Amino acid sequence: MLLTPAEPSRGTAGFTLLEVVIALVIAMLALVGLFEAGRGGLFAADTASRVDEAVERAQSHLAAFAQSGVIASGLAAGDDGDGFRWELRARPLARTAAGAAAPNGSSAMAIYAIDSTIAWRSGLRARSVTLETRRLVPAPSQQ
């Protein structure tokens, strides 16, 4: 049997407009999910990089403070560049008596807690890294 153009064909397959629209919506949702995952991965990589840099800066401040040789109670702070701010805090924890044996022959020793904090902003959030250490130093003379 020969089909004429006026006769509708019963065996032809095709997609309806509704099926095409639903397929496009599903594809768009999948693409949005992929872009969000990619953006989240980039944000996480940037955050990890900033945390690594902050730890290195905090270690650098602790090392410089230890090499200065002078430890006194107090707080020092400043701008570290590239959006980072630093804070270094030293406070005494304990002190030996004047007659107690000290490793370097001094009459009194003191233990100081030293904290190095590096802070920065990441988007709308404030972030920070704090490294803590203890130092045994000759106690300052009391007058």
C-alpha atoms as a PDB file:
ATOM      1  CA  MET A   1       0.000   0.000   0.000  1.00  0.00           C
ATOM      2  CA  LEU A   2       1.282   3.360  -0.973  1.00  0.00           C
ATOM      3  CA  LEU A   3       0.894   6.241   1.443  1.00  0.00           C
ATOM      4  CA  THR A   4      -0.297   9.530   0.163  1.00  0.00           C
ATOM      5  CA  PRO A   5       0.483  12.813   1.841  1.00  0.00           C
ATOM      6  CA  ALA A   6      -3.109  13.227   2.998  1.00  0.00           C
ATOM      7  CA  GLU A   7      -2.996   9.996   5.003  1.00  0.00           C
ATOM      8  CA  PRO A   8      -1.382  10.170   8.462  1.00  0.00           C
ATOM      9  CA  SER A   9       1.310   7.569   8.987  1.00  0.00           C
ATOM     10  CA  ARG A  10       0.745   5.317  11.965  1.00  0.00           C
ATOM     11  CA  GLY A  11       4.267   3.903  12.343  1.00  0.00           C
ATOM     12  CA  THR A  12       6.348   7.086  12.498  1.00  0.00           C
ATOM     13  CA  ALA A  13       8.110   7.713  15.787  1.00  0.00           C
ATOM     14  CA  GLY A  14       8.954  11.131  17.185  1.00  0.00           C
ATOM     15  CA  PHE A  15       9.092  13.230  20.296  1.00  0.00           C
ATOM     16  CA  THR A  16       6.309  15.438  21.449  1.00  0.00           C
ATOM     17  CA  LEU A  17       6.976  18.993  22.521  1.00  0.00           C
ATOM     18  CA  LEU A  18       6.350  18.038  26.145  1.00  0.00           C
ATOM     19  CA  GLU A  19       9.002  15.296  26.036  1.00  0.00           C
ATOM     20  CA  VAL A  20      11.544  17.680  24.532  1.00  0.00           C
ATOM     21  CA  VAL A  21      10.853  20.339  27.195  1.00  0.00           C
ATOM     22  CA  ILE A  22      11.193  17.777  30.017  1.00  0.00           C
ATOM     23  CA  ALA A  23      14.487  16.511  28.580  1.00  0.00           C
ATOM     24  CA  LEU A  24      15.823  20.082  28.389  1.00  0.00           C
ATOM     25  CA  VAL A  25      14.819  20.771  32.003  1.00  0.00           C
ATOM     26  CA  ILE A  26      16.588  17.620  33.190  1.00  0.00           C
ATOM     27  CA  ALA A  27      19.706  18.537  31.210  1.00  0.00           C
ATOM     28  CA  MET A  28      19.708  22.077  32.650  1.00  0.00           C
ATOM     29  CA  LEU A  29      19.382  20.756  36.215  1.00  0.00           C
ATOM     30  CA  ALA A  30      22.312  18.426  35.614  1.00  0.00           C
ATOM     31  CA  LEU A  31      24.421  21.277  34.228  1.00  0.00           C
ATOM     32  CA  VAL A  32      23.589  23.519  37.187  1.00  0.00           C
ATOM     33  CA  GLY A  33      24.643  20.709  39.534  1.00  0.00           C
ATOM     34  CA  LEU A  34      27.935  20.278  37.672  1.00  0.00           C
ATOM     35  CA  PHE A  35      28.694  24.002  37.746  1.00  0.00           C
ATOM     36  CA  GLU A  36      27.930  24.197  41.488  1.00  0.00           C
ATOM     37  CA  ALA A  37      30.229  21.245  42.173  1.00  0.00           C
ATOM     38  CA  GLY A  38      32.997  22.883  40.134  1.00  0.00           C
ATOM     39  CA  ARG A  39      32.540  26.212  41.897  1.00  0.00           C
ATOM     40  CA  GLY A  40      32.598  24.487  45.293  1.00  0.00           C
ATOM     41  CA  GLY A  41      35.810  22.689  44.362  1.00  0.00           C
ATOM     42  CA  LEU A  42      37.481  25.933  43.295  1.00  0.00           C
ATOM     43  CA  PHE A  43      36.385  27.654  46.505  1.00  0.00           C
ATOM     44  CA  ALA A  44      37.709  24.760  48.618  1.00  0.00           C
ATOM     45  CA  ALA A  45      41.054  24.831  46.802  1.00  0.00           C
ATOM     46  CA  ASP A  46      41.352  28.592  47.350  1.00  0.00           C
ATOM     47  CA  THR A  47      40.498  28.222  51.051  1.00  0.00           C
ATOM     48  CA  ALA A  48      43.067  25.441  51.499  1.00  0.00           C
ATOM     49  CA  SER A  49      45.713  27.574  49.787  1.00  0.00           C
ATOM     50  CA  ARG A  50      44.960  30.552  52.060  1.00  0.00           C
ATOM     51  CA  VAL A  51      45.080  28.338  55.180  1.00  0.00           C
ATOM     52  CA  ASP A  52      48.482  26.944  54.128  1.00  0.00           C
ATOM     53  CA  GLU A  53      49.777  30.468  53.569  1.00  0.00           C
ATOM     54  CA  ALA A  54      48.416  31.616  56.952  1.00  0.00           C
ATOM     55  CA  VAL A  55      50.136  28.712  58.743  1.00  0.00           C
ATOM     56  CA  GLU A  56      53.440  29.591  57.077  1.00  0.00           C
ATOM     57  CA  ARG A  57      53.046  33.240  58.085  1.00  0.00           C
ATOM     58  CA  ALA A  58      52.209  32.292  61.695  1.00  0.00           C
ATOM     59  CA  GLN A  59      55.285  30.031  61.859  1.00  0.00           C
ATOM     60  CA  SER A  60      57.402  32.851  60.481  1.00  0.00           C
ATOM     61  CA  HIS A  61      56.176  35.272  63.162  1.00  0.00           C
ATOM     62  CA  LEU A  62      56.852  32.713  65.913  1.00  0.00           C
ATOM     63  CA  ALA A  63      60.362  32.083  64.594  1.00  0.00           C
ATOM     64  CA  ALA A  64      61.141  35.808  64.378  1.00  0.00           C
ATOM     65  CA  PHE A  65      59.812  36.348  67.892  1.00  0.00           C
ATOM     66  CA  ALA A  66      61.931  33.475  69.263  1.00  0.00           C
ATOM     67  CA  GLN A  67      65.078  34.802  67.563  1.00  0.00           C
ATOM     68  CA  SER A  68      64.622  38.257  69.049  1.00  0.00           C
ATOM     69  CA  GLY A  69      65.697  36.802  72.406  1.00  0.00           C
ATOM     70  CA  VAL A  70      63.461  39.142  74.384  1.00  0.00           C
ATOM     71  CA  ILE A  71      60.153  37.796  75.622  1.00  0.00           C
ATOM     72  CA  ALA A  72      57.849  40.066  77.556  1.00  0.00           C
ATOM     73  CA  SER A  73      54.136  39.958  78.252  1.00  0.00           C
ATOM     74  CA  GLY A  74      52.070  41.831  75.746  1.00  0.00           C
ATOM     75  CA  LEU A  75      50.375  41.961  72.391  1.00  0.00           C
ATOM     76  CA  ALA A  76      51.740  43.024  69.031  1.00  0.00           C
ATOM     77  CA  ALA A  77      49.689  43.239  65.846  1.00  0.00           C
ATOM     78  CA  GLY A  78      49.937  44.524  62.303  1.00  0.00           C
ATOM     79  CA  ASP A  79      49.137  44.124  58.627  1.00  0.00           C
ATOM     80  CA  ASP A  80      50.918  41.214  56.938  1.00  0.00           C
ATOM     81  CA  GLY A  81      49.957  42.123  53.356  1.00  0.00           C
ATOM     82  CA  ASP A  82      47.758  40.327  50.830  1.00  0.00           C
ATOM     83  CA  GLY A  83      44.716  40.663  53.102  1.00  0.00           C
ATOM     84  CA  PHE A  84      46.341  38.986  56.121  1.00  0.00           C
ATOM     85  CA  ARG A  85      46.575  40.521  59.603  1.00  0.00           C
ATOM     86  CA  TRP A  86      48.874  39.150  62.313  1.00  0.00           C
ATOM     87  CA  GLU A  87      48.729  39.176  66.083  1.00  0.00           C
ATOM     88  CA  LEU A  88      51.368  37.900  68.493  1.00  0.00           C
ATOM     89  CA  ARG A  89      50.521  37.505  72.174  1.00  0.00           C
ATOM     90  CA  ALA A  90      52.913  36.495  74.989  1.00  0.00           C
ATOM     91  CA  ARG A  91      51.798  35.861  78.567  1.00  0.00           C
ATOM     92  CA  PRO A  92      53.579  34.275  81.526  1.00  0.00           C
ATOM     93  CA  LEU A  93      52.288  30.903  82.705  1.00  0.00           C
ATOM     94  CA  ALA A  94      54.660  30.036  85.566  1.00  0.00           C
ATOM     95  CA  ARG A  95      57.835  31.180  87.273  1.00  0.00           C
ATOM     96  CA  THR A  96      60.443  29.269  89.253  1.00  0.00           C
ATOM     97  CA  ALA A  97      61.673  30.492  92.607  1.00  0.00           C
ATOM     98  CA  ALA A  98      64.878  32.524  92.756  1.00  0.00           C
ATOM     99  CA  GLY A  99      66.863  29.706  94.420  1.00  0.00           C
ATOM    100  CA  ALA A 100      65.642  26.866  92.171  1.00  0.00           C
ATOM    101  CA  ALA A 101      68.032  25.118  89.823  1.00  0.00           C
ATOM    102  CA  ALA A 102      67.814  26.498  86.298  1.00  0.00           C
ATOM    103  CA  PRO A 103      69.282  24.837  83.187  1.00  0.00           C
ATOM    104  CA  ASN A 104      71.321  27.855  82.087  1.00  0.00           C
ATOM    105  CA  GLY A 105      72.495  28.972  85.544  1.00  0.00           C
ATOM    106  CA  SER A 106      70.099  31.898  85.933  1.00  0.00           C
ATOM    107  CA  SER A 107      68.403  32.420  89.233  1.00  0.00           C
ATOM    108  CA  ALA A 108      64.781  32.281  88.048  1.00  0.00           C
ATOM    109  CA  MET A 109      63.034  30.957  84.974  1.00  0.00           C
ATOM    110  CA  ALA A 110      59.616  31.719  83.503  1.00  0.00           C
ATOM    111  CA  ILE A 111      57.365  29.801  81.121  1.00  0.00           C
ATOM    112  CA  TYR A 112      55.579  31.962  78.560  1.00  0.00           C
ATOM    113  CA  ALA A 113      52.657  31.002  76.346  1.00  0.00           C
ATOM    114  CA  ILE A 114      53.109  32.545  72.900  1.00  0.00           C
ATOM    115  CA  ASP A 115      50.252  32.631  70.384  1.00  0.00           C
ATOM    116  CA  SER A 116      50.624  33.698  66.754  1.00  0.00           C
ATOM    117  CA  THR A 117      47.328  34.417  64.973  1.00  0.00           C
ATOM    118  CA  ILE A 118      46.891  35.190  61.288  1.00  0.00           C
ATOM    119  CA  ALA A 119      43.430  36.407  60.212  1.00  0.00           C
ATOM    120  CA  TRP A 120      41.905  37.161  56.796  1.00  0.00           C
ATOM    121  CA  ARG A 121      38.530  37.551  55.119  1.00  0.00           C
ATOM    122  CA  SER A 122      37.247  34.943  52.702  1.00  0.00           C
ATOM    123  CA  GLY A 123      34.144  36.238  51.013  1.00  0.00           C
ATOM    124  CA  LEU A 124      31.866  37.344  53.821  1.00  0.00           C
ATOM    125  CA  ARG A 125      33.519  35.126  56.466  1.00  0.00           C
ATOM    126  CA  ALA A 126      36.386  36.012  58.757  1.00  0.00           C
ATOM    127  CA  ARG A 127      38.916  33.195  59.045  1.00  0.00           C
ATOM    128  CA  SER A 128      41.988  32.754  61.208  1.00  0.00           C
ATOM    129  CA  VAL A 129      44.771  30.350  62.114  1.00  0.00           C
ATOM    130  CA  THR A 130      46.410  30.322  65.558  1.00  0.00           C
ATOM    131  CA  LEU A 131      49.652  28.548  66.465  1.00  0.00           C
ATOM    132  CA  GLU A 132      50.573  28.190  70.124  1.00  0.00           C
ATOM    133  CA  THR A 133      53.922  27.422  71.737  1.00  0.00           C
ATOM    134  CA  ARG A 134      55.590  27.591  75.150  1.00  0.00           C
ATOM    135  CA  ARG A 135      59.033  29.066  75.870  1.00  0.00           C
ATOM    136  CA  LEU A 136      61.236  28.695  78.925  1.00  0.00           C
ATOM    137  CA  VAL A 137      63.235  31.892  79.405  1.00  0.00           C
ATOM    138  CA  PRO A 138      65.088  33.650  82.196  1.00  0.00           C
ATOM    139  CA  ALA A 139      62.524  35.437  84.310  1.00  0.00           C
ATOM    140  CA  PRO A 140      62.624  39.211  84.164  1.00  0.00           C
ATOM    141  CA  SER A 141      64.057  40.701  87.311  1.00  0.00           C
ATOM    142  CA  GLN A 142      61.480  42.020  89.716  1.00  0.00           C
ATOM    143  CA  GLN A 143      62.173  45.414  91.185  1.00  0.00           C
END
